[in-house]
Structure formats: C-alpha cells, structure tokens
Amino acid sequence: METAATPAASGLTFRDATDADVDTLVVLIESAYRGDSSRTGWTTEADILEGQRTDPEGVLAVIKSPDSRLLTVERDGQVVACCQLEHRDDHAYFGMFAVSPALQGAGLGKVIITEAERQARAAWGVREMHMTVISVRNDLIAWYERRGYRRTGRMTPFPYGDERFGIPQRDDLQFELLVKELA
C-alpha cells in the first residue's frame, strides 16, 4: 500500500516483513534505541539501557507468529521504519516501533502509527490499541498521548537479568500500559 497524504508520507510503502528482512530490521531497531547512533534521533534509550534492544530470533518470532505482523515501511526501496501489530483478543498490541534516527522528528512516526491503527482495525476489527512503554520515557509517553493514547497506571516489571531486553542502567524501570480507543 502506498500513502501520499502528507510530505512525511510521500513515497512510503507499507508491507509485511519477510524472513529476508530480519537482519535489516534488527539494525534499524538497534539504531533507533541503542548506542551512540541512536542519539541522532530522539527515541534513544542509550541513557537508561545498554546492550541489545532485539535480536534476529525476536524479530523472526514476530514475523512467524500467526497472530502478529511486522509492518515494514520503505521509502525509495530502503527500509526506514517498522512496527509490530499483534491481535490479542479484543484489541491489538503495538510494539517494536522504530524509525530511522536520521528521519525522526519530521512527522514520519505520526503517519506510521496512523496507518498501523487503520490496518489493525481493518484486519481484526479491534476497537483498541495497546502498547507498553518504559515508564521513565516521559518524552515518548507525551508523544503517544498527543496521538490519543492514555496512560493507565498499570505497570509490569522490567525483565531485569534478561539481557535480551538490554542491560538496565537504573533500578526503577517498568513498563506502563498505554491504550487508545480506535474509532
């Protein structure tokens, strides 16, 4: 599907990821959240987490899951963003969202999340989108609130000791559930 409603959306193609995309998507996700390269954008977690954000096995598991899609976004044949959509009973879960750090701040994220919400409604008929965000990520939570997501105050623990999710640099990390009703 091609979208051209705004300058940020110009030339974007949305498609489901395939096995062949795994390595590219791992690099994209890591670049958006970890290490010095992530500091180019504003979504970096480099100050609160070191180590990996994901790995090839984690990305492949999302691609292969029958209830999940890894929506891949291309511009001019290059993967520039991705997000996970997972059907969970009466709602969809939004995760693994990454935009190339060089393209952050130009409105691309807004276009992608809007399209992800549209696709979740169309594919599964869900009326809510859920996501979890590290609760100390105030700028990121505020961005989602501006997109219509609300904080629920429902927290789940960060998986301390499981380096597949990174190496925490502080001891107060937890995930907060954010929810948006889809029209």
Protein backbone atom coordinates (compact mmCIF):
# COMPACT_ATOMS: atom_id res chain seq x y z
CA MET A 1 0.00 0.00 0.00
CA GLU A 2 1.34 3.42 -0.86
CA THR A 3 0.49 6.52 1.16
CA ALA A 4 0.96 10.12 0.00
CA ALA A 5 -1.29 12.23 2.22
CA THR A 6 1.47 14.40 3.73
CA PRO A 7 5.07 15.28 2.89
CA ALA A 8 6.23 12.83 5.60
CA ALA A 9 4.20 10.10 3.89
CA SER A 10 5.44 10.88 0.40
CA GLY A 11 6.76 7.78 -1.31
CA LEU A 12 6.16 5.41 1.59
CA THR A 13 5.31 1.77 1.01
CA PHE A 14 3.89 -0.39 3.81
CA ARG A 15 4.29 -4.17 3.66
CA ASP A 16 4.58 -7.18 5.93
CA ALA A 17 8.15 -8.16 6.77
CA THR A 18 9.58 -11.42 5.48
CA ASP A 19 12.39 -13.65 6.70
CA ALA A 20 14.70 -11.81 4.29
CA ASP A 21 14.13 -8.55 6.22
CA VAL A 22 15.31 -9.81 9.62
CA ASP A 23 18.89 -8.51 9.55
CA THR A 24 17.85 -5.11 8.15
CA LEU A 25 15.13 -4.75 10.78
CA VAL A 26 17.44 -5.67 13.67
CA VAL A 27 19.89 -2.97 12.52
CA LEU A 28 17.05 -0.43 12.21
CA ILE A 29 15.61 -1.19 15.65
CA GLU A 30 19.01 -1.14 17.33
CA SER A 31 19.92 2.15 15.63
CA ALA A 32 16.71 3.80 16.86
CA TYR A 33 17.17 2.87 20.52
CA ARG A 34 20.69 1.82 21.49
CA GLY A 35 24.24 3.04 21.20
CA ASP A 36 25.64 6.33 20.00
CA SER A 37 23.92 6.11 16.61
CA SER A 38 20.55 6.28 18.39
CA ARG A 39 21.43 9.70 19.77
CA THR A 40 20.85 11.15 16.29
CA GLY A 41 17.12 10.73 16.90
CA TRP A 42 15.02 11.46 19.95
CA THR A 43 13.81 7.92 20.73
CA THR A 44 17.13 6.76 22.16
CA GLU A 45 17.19 4.60 25.27
CA ALA A 46 21.00 4.76 25.42
CA ASP A 47 21.00 6.57 28.78
CA ILE A 48 18.81 4.01 30.52
CA LEU A 49 19.70 0.75 28.76
CA GLU A 50 22.82 -0.70 27.20
CA GLY A 51 23.16 -3.89 25.23
CA GLN A 52 20.66 -5.07 22.67
CA ARG A 53 17.08 -3.94 22.05
CA THR A 54 16.22 -7.01 20.00
CA ASP A 55 17.88 -9.85 18.14
CA PRO A 56 17.26 -11.82 14.94
CA GLU A 57 15.35 -14.51 16.83
CA GLY A 58 12.99 -11.96 18.38
CA VAL A 59 12.29 -10.27 15.06
CA LEU A 60 11.77 -13.60 13.30
CA ALA A 61 9.37 -14.73 16.03
CA VAL A 62 7.16 -11.68 15.35
CA ILE A 63 7.26 -12.33 11.59
CA LYS A 64 6.35 -16.01 12.02
CA SER A 65 3.63 -15.60 14.66
CA PRO A 66 0.16 -16.30 13.20
CA ASP A 67 -1.39 -13.50 15.30
CA SER A 68 1.25 -10.91 14.51
CA ARG A 69 2.55 -8.76 11.69
CA LEU A 70 5.76 -6.79 11.46
CA LEU A 71 4.76 -3.84 9.31
CA THR A 72 7.78 -2.66 7.34
CA VAL A 73 7.93 0.84 5.89
CA GLU A 74 10.05 1.64 2.86
CA ARG A 75 10.95 4.84 1.07
CA ASP A 76 12.78 4.66 -2.25
CA GLY A 77 13.39 0.95 -1.72
CA GLN A 78 15.04 1.43 1.69
CA VAL A 79 13.55 0.21 4.97
CA VAL A 80 13.06 3.35 7.09
CA ALA A 81 10.69 2.16 9.83
CA CYS A 82 8.78 -0.76 11.26
CA CYS A 83 6.21 -1.68 13.87
CA GLN A 84 4.66 -4.81 15.28
CA LEU A 85 0.91 -5.35 15.24
CA GLU A 86 -0.40 -8.29 17.22
CA HIS A 87 -4.00 -9.41 17.53
CA ARG A 88 -4.82 -10.06 21.20
CA ASP A 89 -8.45 -10.98 21.77
CA ASP A 90 -10.45 -7.72 21.64
CA HIS A 91 -7.50 -5.38 20.99
CA ALA A 92 -4.28 -5.06 19.03
CA TYR A 93 -0.84 -4.62 20.54
CA PHE A 94 1.55 -2.08 19.01
CA GLY A 95 5.25 -2.65 19.58
CA MET A 96 8.74 -2.88 18.10
CA PHE A 97 8.23 0.62 16.66
CA ALA A 98 11.35 2.07 15.10
CA VAL A 99 12.01 4.96 12.75
CA SER A 100 15.46 5.56 11.32
CA PRO A 101 17.12 8.14 13.62
CA ALA A 102 18.02 10.34 10.64
CA LEU A 103 14.32 10.64 9.77
CA GLN A 104 12.91 11.20 13.27
CA GLY A 105 11.18 14.47 14.05
CA ALA A 106 9.79 15.02 10.55
CA GLY A 107 6.32 13.54 11.05
CA LEU A 108 7.03 10.04 9.77
CA GLY A 109 6.12 8.39 13.08
CA LYS A 110 2.68 10.02 13.06
CA VAL A 111 1.99 8.67 9.59
CA ILE A 112 3.13 5.17 10.53
CA ILE A 113 1.14 4.89 13.75
CA THR A 114 -1.98 6.17 11.99
CA GLU A 115 -1.56 3.56 9.26
CA ALA A 116 -0.88 0.83 11.85
CA GLU A 117 -4.10 1.72 13.68
CA ARG A 118 -6.02 1.69 10.40
CA GLN A 119 -4.62 -1.71 9.45
CA ALA A 120 -5.36 -3.22 12.89
CA ARG A 121 -9.00 -2.06 12.65
CA ALA A 122 -9.34 -3.32 9.08
CA ALA A 123 -7.67 -6.70 9.62
CA TRP A 124 -9.04 -7.65 13.02
CA GLY A 125 -11.97 -5.33 13.74
CA VAL A 126 -10.40 -4.28 17.04
CA ARG A 127 -11.55 -1.18 18.86
CA GLU A 128 -8.44 -0.57 20.99
CA MET A 129 -4.70 -0.43 20.51
CA HIS A 130 -2.47 -1.26 23.49
CA MET A 131 1.24 -0.71 23.96
CA THR A 132 3.75 -0.73 26.77
CA VAL A 133 6.36 1.99 27.25
CA ILE A 134 9.15 2.22 29.78
CA SER A 135 7.58 4.49 32.39
CA VAL A 136 10.58 6.84 32.70
CA ARG A 137 10.38 7.69 28.96
CA ASN A 138 8.39 10.88 29.60
CA ASP A 139 9.02 12.49 26.18
CA LEU A 140 7.97 9.32 24.39
CA ILE A 141 4.85 8.88 26.53
CA ALA A 142 3.92 12.52 25.88
CA TRP A 143 4.30 11.90 22.12
CA TYR A 144 1.90 8.96 22.35
CA GLU A 145 -0.53 10.99 24.45
CA ARG A 146 -0.61 13.60 21.66
CA ARG A 147 -1.62 10.73 19.33
CA GLY A 148 -4.59 9.89 21.59
CA TYR A 149 -3.09 7.22 23.85
CA ARG A 150 -3.81 7.42 27.55
CA ARG A 151 -1.76 6.30 30.49
CA THR A 152 -3.44 3.58 32.52
CA GLY A 153 -1.13 3.45 35.54
CA ARG A 154 -0.97 -0.33 35.02
CA MET A 155 2.66 -1.35 35.37
CA THR A 156 4.55 -4.54 34.62
CA PRO A 157 8.10 -5.20 35.77
CA PHE A 158 11.09 -4.71 33.52
CA PRO A 159 12.78 -8.08 32.89
CA TYR A 160 15.93 -7.36 34.90
CA GLY A 161 18.55 -10.03 34.35
CA ASP A 162 17.33 -10.94 30.85
CA GLU A 163 19.90 -9.31 28.58
CA ARG A 164 17.73 -9.96 25.52
CA PHE A 165 15.95 -6.76 26.58
CA GLY A 166 19.10 -4.80 27.39
CA ILE A 167 21.26 -4.05 30.38
CA PRO A 168 19.48 -1.56 32.65
CA GLN A 169 21.46 1.45 33.84
CA ARG A 170 18.98 2.25 36.62
CA ASP A 171 16.86 0.25 39.03
CA ASP A 172 13.46 1.89 38.56
CA LEU A 173 12.45 0.62 35.11
CA GLN A 174 8.99 -0.77 34.49
CA PHE A 175 6.51 -0.80 31.64
CA GLU A 176 3.30 1.22 31.65
CA LEU A 177 0.32 0.18 29.56
CA LEU A 178 -0.98 2.88 27.21
CA VAL A 179 -4.34 2.44 25.48
CA LYS A 180 -6.14 4.18 22.63
CA GLU A 181 -9.72 3.64 21.54
CA LEU A 182 -9.86 3.25 17.79
CA ALA A 183 -12.79 4.97 16.07
